[in-house]
Amino acid sequence: MNEILLLFFVTSFCFSQNYGPKAISEKIKASDQTRFDSIAKSLTYKGGDQIKVTVLFTINEDGDIVDIRARSVNPEFEKEAIRVVSELPKMVPAEHNGKRISRKYALPMIFEIETESAKKQRLKKEKRKKQRESKKEKN
């Protein structure tokens, strides 16, 4: 059974950044799918299972994401969540009285193992989207 692990971004991750929650969500979803696939194969989860990971991190005065930690039922999911968050773009740091400050954030993430039928639907949808985009570029 070939399953792919998808990462869904929980909508509660909303703070003032250059990139809105939707843009950050798209960046995370675009992460390396083969990596998710290998995690799913190495663990005994079945299609439709959801694994929650809470990621704690700090955005420092320079906008860099530092001090990334994760909590989950499986260390493999913790490592993957840390990898994904560490690849996020530079952020706009928090401000207090006009001065940039470091700020801690908690990000709940859900890893969902995709079933074969859901995978086929997703691939069809992605193919249609690419076709529409290529038609737009030609016009």
N, C-alpha and C. Protein backbone atom coordinates (compact mmCIF):
# COMPACT_ATOMS: atom_id res chain seq x y z
N MET A 1 0.85 -1.17 0.00
CA MET A 1 0.00 0.00 0.00
C MET A 1 0.90 1.24 0.00
N ASN A 2 0.79 1.99 -1.07
CA ASN A 2 1.62 3.18 -1.22
C ASN A 2 0.87 4.38 -0.66
N GLU A 3 1.32 4.85 0.47
CA GLU A 3 0.66 5.97 1.13
C GLU A 3 1.61 7.16 1.17
N ILE A 4 1.05 8.32 1.08
CA ILE A 4 1.83 9.54 1.21
C ILE A 4 1.32 10.27 2.43
N LEU A 5 2.23 10.80 3.14
CA LEU A 5 1.89 11.55 4.33
C LEU A 5 1.74 13.01 3.96
N LEU A 6 0.60 13.56 4.24
CA LEU A 6 0.38 14.98 3.96
C LEU A 6 0.42 15.76 5.25
N LEU A 7 0.86 16.95 5.11
CA LEU A 7 0.91 17.84 6.25
C LEU A 7 -0.15 18.91 6.07
N PHE A 8 -1.04 18.98 7.01
CA PHE A 8 -2.06 20.03 6.96
C PHE A 8 -1.73 21.05 8.02
N PHE A 9 -1.82 22.25 7.64
CA PHE A 9 -1.48 23.35 8.50
C PHE A 9 -2.73 23.78 9.26
N VAL A 10 -2.68 23.78 10.54
CA VAL A 10 -3.83 24.14 11.35
C VAL A 10 -4.05 25.65 11.27
N THR A 11 -5.29 26.04 11.08
CA THR A 11 -5.61 27.44 10.81
C THR A 11 -5.36 28.37 11.98
N SER A 12 -5.09 27.83 13.14
CA SER A 12 -4.87 28.70 14.29
C SER A 12 -3.50 29.39 14.26
N PHE A 13 -2.67 29.06 13.27
CA PHE A 13 -1.35 29.69 13.15
C PHE A 13 -1.52 31.01 12.43
N CYS A 14 -1.90 32.02 13.16
CA CYS A 14 -2.14 33.34 12.56
C CYS A 14 -1.40 34.38 13.39
N PHE A 15 -0.33 34.91 12.84
CA PHE A 15 0.31 36.05 13.46
C PHE A 15 0.83 36.96 12.37
N SER A 16 1.10 38.18 12.71
CA SER A 16 1.44 39.19 11.71
C SER A 16 2.81 38.91 11.09
N GLN A 17 2.81 38.54 9.82
CA GLN A 17 4.03 38.25 9.10
C GLN A 17 3.92 38.80 7.69
N ASN A 18 5.04 38.83 6.97
CA ASN A 18 5.02 39.20 5.56
C ASN A 18 4.18 38.21 4.78
N TYR A 19 4.18 36.97 5.19
CA TYR A 19 3.48 35.90 4.51
C TYR A 19 2.28 35.54 5.35
N GLY A 20 1.10 35.55 4.76
CA GLY A 20 -0.09 35.18 5.50
C GLY A 20 -0.11 33.70 5.78
N PRO A 21 -1.03 33.26 6.64
CA PRO A 21 -1.13 31.85 6.97
C PRO A 21 -1.31 30.96 5.73
N LYS A 22 -2.04 31.47 4.72
CA LYS A 22 -2.24 30.66 3.52
C LYS A 22 -0.93 30.45 2.77
N ALA A 23 -0.12 31.50 2.66
CA ALA A 23 1.17 31.38 1.97
C ALA A 23 2.10 30.43 2.70
N ILE A 24 2.10 30.51 4.02
CA ILE A 24 2.94 29.62 4.81
C ILE A 24 2.44 28.19 4.68
N SER A 25 1.12 28.02 4.70
CA SER A 25 0.54 26.70 4.53
C SER A 25 0.94 26.09 3.19
N GLU A 26 0.90 26.89 2.12
CA GLU A 26 1.30 26.39 0.80
C GLU A 26 2.77 25.98 0.79
N LYS A 27 3.62 26.75 1.46
CA LYS A 27 5.04 26.42 1.53
C LYS A 27 5.23 25.07 2.22
N ILE A 28 4.49 24.85 3.29
CA ILE A 28 4.61 23.59 4.01
C ILE A 28 4.08 22.44 3.17
N LYS A 29 2.93 22.61 2.52
CA LYS A 29 2.36 21.55 1.69
C LYS A 29 3.27 21.19 0.53
N ALA A 30 4.05 22.17 0.06
CA ALA A 30 4.94 21.92 -1.07
C ALA A 30 6.22 21.21 -0.64
N SER A 31 6.35 20.90 0.64
CA SER A 31 7.55 20.22 1.12
C SER A 31 7.72 18.88 0.42
N ASP A 32 8.88 18.33 0.55
CA ASP A 32 9.25 17.08 -0.11
C ASP A 32 8.32 15.92 0.24
N GLN A 33 7.45 15.55 -0.70
CA GLN A 33 6.47 14.48 -0.47
C GLN A 33 7.13 13.11 -0.30
N THR A 34 8.26 12.90 -0.95
CA THR A 34 8.93 11.59 -0.82
C THR A 34 9.41 11.38 0.61
N ARG A 35 9.76 12.44 1.29
CA ARG A 35 10.18 12.33 2.69
C ARG A 35 9.00 11.85 3.54
N PHE A 36 7.83 12.45 3.31
CA PHE A 36 6.63 12.01 4.04
C PHE A 36 6.32 10.55 3.74
N ASP A 37 6.47 10.17 2.47
CA ASP A 37 6.19 8.81 2.04
C ASP A 37 7.08 7.82 2.78
N SER A 38 8.36 8.15 2.92
CA SER A 38 9.28 7.23 3.60
C SER A 38 8.94 7.10 5.08
N ILE A 39 8.49 8.18 5.69
CA ILE A 39 8.09 8.10 7.10
C ILE A 39 6.87 7.19 7.24
N ALA A 40 5.89 7.37 6.36
CA ALA A 40 4.67 6.55 6.41
C ALA A 40 5.00 5.07 6.23
N LYS A 41 5.90 4.76 5.31
CA LYS A 41 6.27 3.37 5.05
C LYS A 41 7.01 2.76 6.24
N SER A 42 7.84 3.55 6.91
CA SER A 42 8.62 3.01 8.01
C SER A 42 7.80 2.81 9.29
N LEU A 43 6.67 3.47 9.37
CA LEU A 43 5.81 3.35 10.55
C LEU A 43 4.55 2.58 10.18
N THR A 44 3.85 2.10 11.14
CA THR A 44 2.68 1.25 10.88
C THR A 44 1.37 2.00 10.91
N TYR A 45 1.34 3.19 10.35
CA TYR A 45 0.10 3.96 10.27
C TYR A 45 -0.62 3.60 8.97
N LYS A 46 -1.95 3.69 9.01
CA LYS A 46 -2.73 3.37 7.81
C LYS A 46 -3.37 4.64 7.25
N GLY A 47 -3.84 4.56 6.02
CA GLY A 47 -4.45 5.71 5.37
C GLY A 47 -5.58 6.29 6.19
N GLY A 48 -5.59 7.61 6.32
CA GLY A 48 -6.62 8.30 7.10
C GLY A 48 -6.19 8.63 8.52
N ASP A 49 -5.12 8.02 9.01
CA ASP A 49 -4.64 8.33 10.36
C ASP A 49 -4.12 9.75 10.41
N GLN A 50 -4.32 10.40 11.55
CA GLN A 50 -3.81 11.75 11.76
C GLN A 50 -2.92 11.76 12.99
N ILE A 51 -1.79 12.42 12.85
CA ILE A 51 -0.85 12.52 13.96
C ILE A 51 -0.61 13.99 14.24
N LYS A 52 -0.90 14.43 15.46
CA LYS A 52 -0.73 15.83 15.83
C LYS A 52 0.67 16.06 16.38
N VAL A 53 1.28 17.15 15.93
CA VAL A 53 2.59 17.56 16.40
C VAL A 53 2.48 19.03 16.80
N THR A 54 2.95 19.35 17.98
CA THR A 54 3.00 20.75 18.40
C THR A 54 4.44 21.21 18.29
N VAL A 55 4.65 22.26 17.51
CA VAL A 55 5.99 22.80 17.30
C VAL A 55 6.11 24.12 18.05
N LEU A 56 7.15 24.24 18.85
CA LEU A 56 7.44 25.46 19.59
C LEU A 56 8.69 26.08 18.99
N PHE A 57 8.66 27.38 18.73
CA PHE A 57 9.83 28.04 18.17
C PHE A 57 9.81 29.51 18.53
N THR A 58 10.93 30.17 18.28
CA THR A 58 11.08 31.59 18.56
C THR A 58 11.43 32.30 17.26
N ILE A 59 10.81 33.46 17.04
CA ILE A 59 11.22 34.34 15.95
C ILE A 59 12.01 35.46 16.62
N ASN A 60 13.32 35.49 16.30
CA ASN A 60 14.19 36.47 16.98
C ASN A 60 14.07 37.87 16.38
N GLU A 61 14.88 38.79 16.88
CA GLU A 61 14.82 40.19 16.46
C GLU A 61 15.13 40.37 14.97
N ASP A 62 15.88 39.43 14.39
CA ASP A 62 16.23 39.50 12.97
C ASP A 62 15.20 38.82 12.07
N GLY A 63 14.20 38.17 12.66
CA GLY A 63 13.18 37.48 11.88
C GLY A 63 13.52 36.03 11.58
N ASP A 64 14.61 35.54 12.17
CA ASP A 64 15.00 34.15 11.98
C ASP A 64 14.21 33.25 12.92
N ILE A 65 13.89 32.05 12.45
CA ILE A 65 13.21 31.07 13.29
C ILE A 65 14.28 30.26 14.00
N VAL A 66 14.28 30.32 15.33
CA VAL A 66 15.30 29.66 16.14
C VAL A 66 14.64 28.86 17.26
N ASP A 67 15.45 28.06 17.94
CA ASP A 67 14.99 27.30 19.11
C ASP A 67 13.73 26.48 18.78
N ILE A 68 13.81 25.67 17.75
CA ILE A 68 12.65 24.88 17.30
C ILE A 68 12.61 23.57 18.09
N ARG A 69 11.47 23.30 18.69
CA ARG A 69 11.25 22.06 19.42
C ARG A 69 9.89 21.51 19.02
N ALA A 70 9.70 20.20 19.13
CA ALA A 70 8.41 19.60 18.77
C ALA A 70 8.04 18.52 19.77
N ARG A 71 6.72 18.30 19.91
CA ARG A 71 6.19 17.25 20.79
C ARG A 71 5.17 16.44 19.99
N SER A 72 5.33 15.12 20.01
CA SER A 72 4.40 14.24 19.31
C SER A 72 4.51 12.83 19.88
N VAL A 73 3.66 11.94 19.36
CA VAL A 73 3.67 10.55 19.80
C VAL A 73 4.84 9.77 19.23
N ASN A 74 5.45 10.28 18.15
CA ASN A 74 6.54 9.57 17.50
C ASN A 74 7.67 10.54 17.17
N PRO A 75 8.90 10.21 17.51
CA PRO A 75 10.03 11.11 17.25
C PRO A 75 10.23 11.39 15.76
N GLU A 76 9.82 10.49 14.88
CA GLU A 76 9.97 10.72 13.44
C GLU A 76 9.12 11.91 13.00
N PHE A 77 7.93 12.02 13.55
CA PHE A 77 7.07 13.14 13.21
C PHE A 77 7.62 14.44 13.81
N GLU A 78 8.22 14.35 14.99
CA GLU A 78 8.85 15.53 15.59
C GLU A 78 9.98 16.04 14.69
N LYS A 79 10.83 15.12 14.23
CA LYS A 79 11.95 15.51 13.35
C LYS A 79 11.44 16.14 12.07
N GLU A 80 10.40 15.57 11.48
CA GLU A 80 9.87 16.10 10.23
C GLU A 80 9.25 17.48 10.43
N ALA A 81 8.52 17.67 11.53
CA ALA A 81 7.93 18.97 11.81
C ALA A 81 9.01 20.03 12.02
N ILE A 82 10.07 19.67 12.70
CA ILE A 82 11.19 20.60 12.91
C ILE A 82 11.84 20.95 11.58
N ARG A 83 12.01 19.96 10.71
CA ARG A 83 12.61 20.20 9.39
C ARG A 83 11.75 21.17 8.58
N VAL A 84 10.45 20.94 8.58
CA VAL A 84 9.54 21.78 7.79
C VAL A 84 9.54 23.22 8.32
N VAL A 85 9.44 23.40 9.63
CA VAL A 85 9.41 24.74 10.20
C VAL A 85 10.74 25.46 9.97
N SER A 86 11.84 24.72 10.02
CA SER A 86 13.15 25.36 9.82
C SER A 86 13.32 25.86 8.39
N GLU A 87 12.53 25.34 7.44
CA GLU A 87 12.62 25.77 6.05
C GLU A 87 11.67 26.93 5.71
N LEU A 88 10.90 27.39 6.68
CA LEU A 88 10.01 28.52 6.43
C LEU A 88 10.83 29.77 6.12
N PRO A 89 10.25 30.70 5.36
CA PRO A 89 10.99 31.92 5.02
C PRO A 89 11.20 32.81 6.25
N LYS A 90 12.11 33.75 6.12
CA LYS A 90 12.38 34.71 7.19
C LYS A 90 11.08 35.45 7.52
N MET A 91 10.85 35.69 8.79
CA MET A 91 9.62 36.31 9.25
C MET A 91 9.87 37.76 9.70
N VAL A 92 8.80 38.48 9.90
CA VAL A 92 8.88 39.82 10.45
C VAL A 92 8.81 39.67 11.97
N PRO A 93 9.82 40.15 12.68
CA PRO A 93 9.80 39.97 14.13
C PRO A 93 8.72 40.80 14.81
N ALA A 94 8.35 40.39 15.99
CA ALA A 94 7.37 41.13 16.78
C ALA A 94 7.98 42.46 17.22
N GLU A 95 7.12 43.42 17.50
CA GLU A 95 7.58 44.73 17.98
C GLU A 95 6.88 45.09 19.27
N HIS A 96 7.63 45.74 20.12
CA HIS A 96 7.06 46.27 21.38
C HIS A 96 7.63 47.67 21.57
N ASN A 97 6.76 48.65 21.64
CA ASN A 97 7.16 50.06 21.76
C ASN A 97 8.12 50.47 20.63
N GLY A 98 7.83 49.98 19.43
CA GLY A 98 8.64 50.34 18.28
C GLY A 98 9.98 49.62 18.16
N LYS A 99 10.26 48.72 19.07
CA LYS A 99 11.53 48.00 19.07
C LYS A 99 11.29 46.53 18.73
N ARG A 100 12.09 45.96 17.86
CA ARG A 100 11.96 44.54 17.51
C ARG A 100 12.36 43.67 18.71
N ILE A 101 11.55 42.63 18.93
CA ILE A 101 11.81 41.72 20.05
C ILE A 101 11.67 40.27 19.58
N SER A 102 12.26 39.35 20.34
CA SER A 102 12.07 37.92 20.10
C SER A 102 10.72 37.53 20.67
N ARG A 103 10.08 36.58 20.01
CA ARG A 103 8.77 36.13 20.49
C ARG A 103 8.63 34.65 20.25
N LYS A 104 8.07 33.94 21.23
CA LYS A 104 7.86 32.50 21.12
C LYS A 104 6.48 32.23 20.53
N TYR A 105 6.39 31.15 19.75
CA TYR A 105 5.13 30.75 19.13
C TYR A 105 4.95 29.24 19.30
N ALA A 106 3.71 28.81 19.32
CA ALA A 106 3.35 27.40 19.31
C ALA A 106 2.53 27.14 18.05
N LEU A 107 2.93 26.15 17.29
CA LEU A 107 2.27 25.84 16.02
C LEU A 107 1.77 24.40 16.04
N PRO A 108 0.46 24.21 16.13
CA PRO A 108 -0.06 22.83 16.04
C PRO A 108 -0.09 22.40 14.57
N MET A 109 0.44 21.23 14.28
CA MET A 109 0.44 20.70 12.91
C MET A 109 -0.19 19.31 12.95
N ILE A 110 -0.80 18.92 11.82
CA ILE A 110 -1.37 17.58 11.73
C ILE A 110 -0.78 16.90 10.50
N PHE A 111 -0.17 15.75 10.74
CA PHE A 111 0.29 14.91 9.65
C PHE A 111 -0.85 13.93 9.38
N GLU A 112 -1.31 13.88 8.13
CA GLU A 112 -2.37 12.95 7.77
C GLU A 112 -1.87 12.01 6.69
N ILE A 113 -2.06 10.74 6.93
CA ILE A 113 -1.63 9.74 5.96
C ILE A 113 -2.71 9.63 4.90
N GLU A 114 -2.31 9.85 3.68
CA GLU A 114 -3.24 9.89 2.55
C GLU A 114 -3.57 8.48 2.05
N THR A 115 -4.85 8.24 1.80
CA THR A 115 -5.26 6.96 1.23
C THR A 115 -5.00 6.97 -0.27
N GLU A 116 -5.02 5.79 -0.89
CA GLU A 116 -4.79 5.69 -2.34
C GLU A 116 -5.81 6.49 -3.14
N SER A 117 -7.08 6.39 -2.77
CA SER A 117 -8.11 7.13 -3.52
C SER A 117 -7.93 8.64 -3.37
N ALA A 118 -7.57 9.09 -2.17
CA ALA A 118 -7.33 10.52 -1.97
C ALA A 118 -6.10 10.97 -2.75
N LYS A 119 -5.10 10.09 -2.83
CA LYS A 119 -3.89 10.42 -3.59
C LYS A 119 -4.23 10.60 -5.08
N LYS A 120 -5.05 9.70 -5.62
CA LYS A 120 -5.44 9.81 -7.03
C LYS A 120 -6.19 11.11 -7.28
N GLN A 121 -7.11 11.46 -6.39
CA GLN A 121 -7.87 12.71 -6.53
C GLN A 121 -6.94 13.92 -6.49
N ARG A 122 -6.00 13.91 -5.55
CA ARG A 122 -5.07 15.03 -5.41
C ARG A 122 -4.22 15.17 -6.67
N LEU A 123 -3.72 14.05 -7.19
CA LEU A 123 -2.88 14.10 -8.39
C LEU A 123 -3.66 14.62 -9.60
N LYS A 124 -4.93 14.21 -9.73
CA LYS A 124 -5.77 14.71 -10.82
C LYS A 124 -5.96 16.22 -10.69
N LYS A 125 -6.23 16.67 -9.49
CA LYS A 125 -6.45 18.09 -9.23
C LYS A 125 -5.18 18.89 -9.55
N GLU A 126 -4.02 18.38 -9.14
CA GLU A 126 -2.76 19.07 -9.42
C GLU A 126 -2.50 19.12 -10.92
N LYS A 127 -2.83 18.06 -11.63
CA LYS A 127 -2.64 18.01 -13.08
C LYS A 127 -3.52 19.06 -13.77
N ARG A 128 -4.80 19.13 -13.37
CA ARG A 128 -5.71 20.14 -13.93
C ARG A 128 -5.23 21.55 -13.66
N LYS A 129 -4.72 21.78 -12.45
CA LYS A 129 -4.23 23.10 -12.09
C LYS A 129 -3.03 23.49 -12.97
N LYS A 130 -2.12 22.56 -13.20
CA LYS A 130 -0.96 22.82 -14.06
C LYS A 130 -1.40 23.10 -15.49
N GLN A 131 -2.40 22.37 -15.97
CA GLN A 131 -2.90 22.59 -17.32
C GLN A 131 -3.51 23.98 -17.45
N ARG A 132 -4.29 24.41 -16.45
CA ARG A 132 -4.89 25.76 -16.48
C ARG A 132 -3.81 26.83 -16.46
N GLU A 133 -2.78 26.62 -15.63
CA GLU A 133 -1.69 27.59 -15.53
C GLU A 133 -0.92 27.69 -16.86
N SER A 134 -0.70 26.56 -17.51
CA SER A 134 0.03 26.60 -18.78
C SER A 134 -0.81 27.26 -19.87
N LYS A 135 -2.14 27.09 -19.82
CA LYS A 135 -3.02 27.77 -20.77
C LYS A 135 -2.98 29.29 -20.56
N LYS A 136 -2.95 29.70 -19.28
CA LYS A 136 -2.88 31.12 -18.96
C LYS A 136 -1.59 31.73 -19.48
N GLU A 137 -0.49 31.01 -19.33
CA GLU A 137 0.81 31.50 -19.78
C GLU A 137 0.85 31.65 -21.29
N LYS A 138 0.16 30.76 -22.01
CA LYS A 138 0.14 30.83 -23.48
C LYS A 138 -0.66 32.03 -23.97
N ASN A 139 -1.68 32.42 -23.21
CA ASN A 139 -2.56 33.54 -23.62
C ASN A 139 -1.92 34.84 -23.31
